[in-house]
């Protein structure tokens, strides 16, 4: 009787260990997938930010080359005039 009981206990332990290993494998795969997804999302966000920054830098550098200095001075002057008019309007 003890021998049968011992044998059954050993079988139960073996099955429990097997199930434990399977569960650990499933959990490990789930964690790896979750980590991969989060990293992929973060990399995508960083990449998008870097690309946007580079694009803006290229656009501004081209604008510097293509817009003549006298036109830029006129824009600054007009902005200053608009600000002065807005200030006068606000103060009146």
N, C-alpha and C. Protein backbone atom coordinates (compact mmCIF):
# COMPACT_ATOMS: atom_id res chain seq x y z
N UNK A 1 0.82 -1.19 0.00
CA UNK A 1 0.00 0.00 0.00
C UNK A 1 0.87 1.26 0.00
N UNK A 2 1.91 1.25 0.81
CA UNK A 2 2.82 2.40 0.86
C UNK A 2 3.51 2.60 -0.47
N UNK A 3 3.82 1.49 -1.10
CA UNK A 3 4.52 1.57 -2.39
C UNK A 3 3.62 2.23 -3.44
N UNK A 4 2.35 1.89 -3.47
CA UNK A 4 1.40 2.47 -4.42
C UNK A 4 1.21 3.95 -4.11
N UNK A 5 1.08 4.25 -2.83
CA UNK A 5 0.91 5.65 -2.42
C UNK A 5 2.13 6.47 -2.84
N UNK A 6 3.31 5.93 -2.59
CA UNK A 6 4.54 6.62 -2.95
C UNK A 6 4.62 6.83 -4.47
N UNK A 7 4.23 5.81 -5.21
CA UNK A 7 4.25 5.89 -6.68
C UNK A 7 3.28 6.97 -7.16
N UNK A 8 2.09 7.02 -6.59
CA UNK A 8 1.11 8.03 -6.97
C UNK A 8 1.62 9.43 -6.63
N UNK A 9 2.21 9.58 -5.46
CA UNK A 9 2.77 10.87 -5.06
C UNK A 9 3.86 11.32 -6.03
N UNK A 10 4.69 10.38 -6.46
CA UNK A 10 5.76 10.70 -7.41
C UNK A 10 5.17 11.12 -8.76
N UNK A 11 4.12 10.44 -9.18
CA UNK A 11 3.47 10.80 -10.44
C UNK A 11 2.85 12.20 -10.35
N UNK A 12 2.20 12.49 -9.23
CA UNK A 12 1.59 13.80 -9.02
C UNK A 12 2.67 14.88 -9.02
N UNK A 13 3.78 14.63 -8.32
CA UNK A 13 4.88 15.60 -8.29
C UNK A 13 5.43 15.83 -9.69
N UNK A 14 5.59 14.75 -10.46
CA UNK A 14 6.12 14.87 -11.82
C UNK A 14 5.16 15.69 -12.69
N UNK A 15 3.85 15.42 -12.56
CA UNK A 15 2.87 16.18 -13.34
C UNK A 15 2.86 17.64 -12.92
N UNK A 16 2.96 17.90 -11.61
CA UNK A 16 3.00 19.27 -11.12
C UNK A 16 4.24 19.99 -11.66
N UNK A 17 5.35 19.32 -11.65
CA UNK A 17 6.59 19.93 -12.17
C UNK A 17 6.46 20.21 -13.66
N UNK A 18 5.87 19.28 -14.38
CA UNK A 18 5.68 19.46 -15.82
C UNK A 18 4.76 20.67 -16.08
N UNK A 19 3.65 20.75 -15.34
CA UNK A 19 2.73 21.87 -15.48
C UNK A 19 3.40 23.19 -15.11
N UNK A 20 4.21 23.14 -14.06
CA UNK A 20 4.94 24.34 -13.62
C UNK A 20 5.87 24.83 -14.73
N UNK A 21 6.58 23.92 -15.35
CA UNK A 21 7.49 24.28 -16.44
C UNK A 21 6.72 24.85 -17.63
N UNK A 22 5.58 24.23 -17.96
CA UNK A 22 4.76 24.75 -19.06
C UNK A 22 4.27 26.16 -18.75
N UNK A 23 3.80 26.36 -17.53
CA UNK A 23 3.29 27.67 -17.13
C UNK A 23 4.40 28.72 -17.17
N UNK A 24 5.59 28.36 -16.72
CA UNK A 24 6.71 29.29 -16.77
C UNK A 24 7.04 29.67 -18.21
N UNK A 25 6.99 28.70 -19.11
CA UNK A 25 7.24 28.98 -20.52
C UNK A 25 6.20 29.92 -21.11
N UNK A 26 4.94 29.68 -20.77
CA UNK A 26 3.86 30.54 -21.27
C UNK A 26 4.01 31.96 -20.74
N UNK A 27 4.31 32.07 -19.45
CA UNK A 27 4.49 33.39 -18.84
C UNK A 27 5.69 34.10 -19.46
N UNK A 28 6.78 33.38 -19.67
CA UNK A 28 7.97 33.98 -20.26
C UNK A 28 7.68 34.51 -21.66
N UNK A 29 6.96 33.74 -22.47
CA UNK A 29 6.60 34.19 -23.81
C UNK A 29 5.71 35.43 -23.76
N UNK A 30 4.76 35.44 -22.83
CA UNK A 30 3.87 36.60 -22.71
C UNK A 30 4.64 37.84 -22.31
N UNK A 31 5.56 37.69 -21.37
CA UNK A 31 6.37 38.83 -20.92
C UNK A 31 7.26 39.32 -22.06
N UNK A 32 7.88 38.40 -22.78
CA UNK A 32 8.75 38.79 -23.90
C UNK A 32 7.96 39.55 -24.96
N UNK A 33 6.77 39.08 -25.28
CA UNK A 33 5.94 39.76 -26.28
C UNK A 33 5.56 41.15 -25.81
N UNK A 34 5.21 41.27 -24.54
CA UNK A 34 4.82 42.57 -23.99
C UNK A 34 6.00 43.54 -24.02
N UNK A 35 7.17 43.06 -23.64
CA UNK A 35 8.37 43.90 -23.65
C UNK A 35 8.69 44.33 -25.08
N UNK A 36 8.62 43.39 -26.01
CA UNK A 36 8.90 43.72 -27.41
C UNK A 36 7.94 44.78 -27.92
N UNK A 37 6.67 44.66 -27.58
CA UNK A 37 5.67 45.62 -28.04
C UNK A 37 5.95 47.00 -27.45
N UNK A 38 6.27 47.05 -26.17
CA UNK A 38 6.56 48.34 -25.54
C UNK A 38 7.80 48.98 -26.14
N UNK A 39 8.84 48.18 -26.35
CA UNK A 39 10.07 48.71 -26.95
C UNK A 39 9.80 49.19 -28.37
N UNK A 40 9.03 48.42 -29.13
CA UNK A 40 8.69 48.81 -30.50
C UNK A 40 7.94 50.14 -30.50
N UNK A 41 7.02 50.30 -29.57
CA UNK A 41 6.24 51.54 -29.48
C UNK A 41 7.14 52.72 -29.11
N UNK A 42 8.05 52.52 -28.15
CA UNK A 42 8.95 53.59 -27.74
C UNK A 42 9.91 53.96 -28.87
N UNK A 43 10.44 52.97 -29.56
CA UNK A 43 11.36 53.24 -30.67
C UNK A 43 10.63 53.99 -31.77
N UNK A 44 9.40 53.62 -32.03
CA UNK A 44 8.62 54.31 -33.05
C UNK A 44 8.43 55.78 -32.68
N UNK A 45 8.12 56.04 -31.42
CA UNK A 45 7.94 57.42 -30.97
C UNK A 45 9.22 58.23 -31.07
N UNK A 46 10.33 57.64 -30.64
CA UNK A 46 11.62 58.34 -30.70
C UNK A 46 12.01 58.59 -32.15
N UNK A 47 11.82 57.58 -32.99
CA UNK A 47 12.16 57.73 -34.41
C UNK A 47 11.34 58.84 -35.04
N UNK A 48 10.06 58.87 -34.75
CA UNK A 48 9.20 59.91 -35.29
C UNK A 48 9.66 61.29 -34.85
N UNK A 49 10.00 61.43 -33.58
CA UNK A 49 10.47 62.71 -33.06
C UNK A 49 11.76 63.14 -33.74
N UNK A 50 12.68 62.21 -33.88
CA UNK A 50 13.98 62.54 -34.51
C UNK A 50 13.77 62.93 -35.97
N UNK A 51 12.94 62.19 -36.68
CA UNK A 51 12.68 62.50 -38.09
C UNK A 51 12.04 63.88 -38.21
N UNK A 52 11.08 64.18 -37.35
CA UNK A 52 10.44 65.50 -37.40
C UNK A 52 11.44 66.61 -37.12
N UNK A 53 12.32 66.40 -36.17
CA UNK A 53 13.32 67.40 -35.83
C UNK A 53 14.28 67.63 -37.00
N UNK A 54 14.71 66.56 -37.61
CA UNK A 54 15.63 66.67 -38.76
C UNK A 54 14.93 67.36 -39.93
N UNK A 55 13.68 66.99 -40.17
CA UNK A 55 12.94 67.63 -41.25
C UNK A 55 12.81 69.13 -41.02
N UNK A 56 12.46 69.52 -39.79
CA UNK A 56 12.33 70.94 -39.48
C UNK A 56 13.66 71.67 -39.66
N UNK A 57 14.73 71.05 -39.22
CA UNK A 57 16.05 71.67 -39.38
C UNK A 57 16.38 71.86 -40.86
N UNK A 58 16.07 70.87 -41.68
CA UNK A 58 16.32 70.98 -43.12
C UNK A 58 15.45 72.07 -43.75
N UNK A 59 14.21 72.13 -43.33
CA UNK A 59 13.30 73.15 -43.87
C UNK A 59 13.81 74.54 -43.53
N UNK A 60 14.15 74.76 -42.25
CA UNK A 60 14.63 76.08 -41.84
C UNK A 60 15.95 76.44 -42.51
N UNK A 61 16.82 75.45 -42.70
CA UNK A 61 18.08 75.76 -43.37
C UNK A 61 17.84 76.16 -44.83
N UNK A 62 16.88 75.51 -45.48
CA UNK A 62 16.55 75.87 -46.86
C UNK A 62 15.87 77.23 -46.92
N UNK A 63 15.03 77.54 -45.94
CA UNK A 63 14.39 78.85 -45.91
C UNK A 63 15.43 79.95 -45.73
N UNK A 64 16.42 79.70 -44.90
CA UNK A 64 17.50 80.67 -44.71
C UNK A 64 18.20 80.97 -46.03
N UNK A 65 18.42 79.94 -46.82
CA UNK A 65 19.12 80.10 -48.09
C UNK A 65 18.23 80.78 -49.13
N UNK A 66 16.95 80.43 -49.14
CA UNK A 66 16.08 80.88 -50.23
C UNK A 66 15.40 82.22 -49.97
N UNK A 67 15.28 82.65 -48.73
CA UNK A 67 14.64 83.94 -48.44
C UNK A 67 15.73 85.00 -48.31
N UNK A 68 15.68 86.01 -49.13
CA UNK A 68 16.71 87.05 -49.09
C UNK A 68 16.69 87.81 -47.75
N UNK A 69 17.84 88.34 -47.37
CA UNK A 69 17.99 89.03 -46.10
C UNK A 69 17.07 90.26 -46.02
N UNK A 70 16.97 91.02 -47.12
CA UNK A 70 16.12 92.22 -47.07
C UNK A 70 14.65 91.85 -46.81
N UNK A 71 14.19 90.72 -47.33
CA UNK A 71 12.82 90.27 -47.09
C UNK A 71 12.64 89.87 -45.62
N UNK A 72 13.64 89.22 -45.05
CA UNK A 72 13.57 88.86 -43.62
C UNK A 72 13.53 90.11 -42.75
N UNK A 73 14.29 91.14 -43.14
CA UNK A 73 14.28 92.39 -42.39
C UNK A 73 12.91 93.06 -42.48
N UNK A 74 12.32 93.01 -43.66
CA UNK A 74 10.98 93.59 -43.82
C UNK A 74 9.96 92.86 -42.93
N UNK A 75 10.06 91.56 -42.88
CA UNK A 75 9.14 90.78 -42.04
C UNK A 75 9.31 91.18 -40.59
N UNK A 76 10.55 91.29 -40.11
CA UNK A 76 10.78 91.70 -38.72
C UNK A 76 10.21 93.10 -38.47
N UNK A 77 10.41 93.98 -39.43
CA UNK A 77 9.91 95.35 -39.30
C UNK A 77 8.38 95.36 -39.23
N UNK A 78 7.75 94.60 -40.11
CA UNK A 78 6.30 94.55 -40.12
C UNK A 78 5.75 93.92 -38.84
N UNK A 79 6.42 92.91 -38.35
CA UNK A 79 5.99 92.30 -37.09
C UNK A 79 6.07 93.32 -35.96
N UNK A 80 7.13 94.09 -35.94
CA UNK A 80 7.30 95.12 -34.91
C UNK A 80 6.20 96.16 -35.04
N UNK A 81 5.89 96.57 -36.28
CA UNK A 81 4.84 97.55 -36.49
C UNK A 81 3.47 97.01 -36.04
N UNK A 82 3.21 95.76 -36.35
CA UNK A 82 1.95 95.15 -35.93
C UNK A 82 1.87 95.11 -34.41
N UNK A 83 2.94 94.75 -33.76
CA UNK A 83 2.96 94.73 -32.31
C UNK A 83 2.72 96.12 -31.72
N UNK A 84 3.32 97.13 -32.33
CA UNK A 84 3.11 98.50 -31.85
C UNK A 84 1.65 98.92 -32.00
N UNK A 85 1.04 98.58 -33.14
CA UNK A 85 -0.36 98.93 -33.38
C UNK A 85 -1.26 98.18 -32.38
N UNK A 86 -0.97 96.92 -32.15
CA UNK A 86 -1.76 96.15 -31.19
C UNK A 86 -1.63 96.74 -29.79
N UNK A 87 -0.42 97.17 -29.42
CA UNK A 87 -0.21 97.76 -28.11
C UNK A 87 -0.99 99.08 -27.98
N UNK A 88 -0.91 99.91 -29.02
CA UNK A 88 -1.67 101.17 -29.00
C UNK A 88 -3.17 100.93 -28.91
N UNK A 89 -3.61 99.92 -29.68
CA UNK A 89 -5.03 99.59 -29.68
C UNK A 89 -5.47 99.09 -28.31
N UNK A 90 -4.65 98.31 -27.70
CA UNK A 90 -4.96 97.77 -26.37
C UNK A 90 -4.97 98.90 -25.32
N UNK A 91 -4.05 99.82 -25.44
CA UNK A 91 -3.92 100.91 -24.47
C UNK A 91 -4.99 101.99 -24.64
N UNK A 92 -5.64 102.02 -25.79
CA UNK A 92 -6.64 103.08 -26.01
C UNK A 92 -8.00 102.73 -25.46
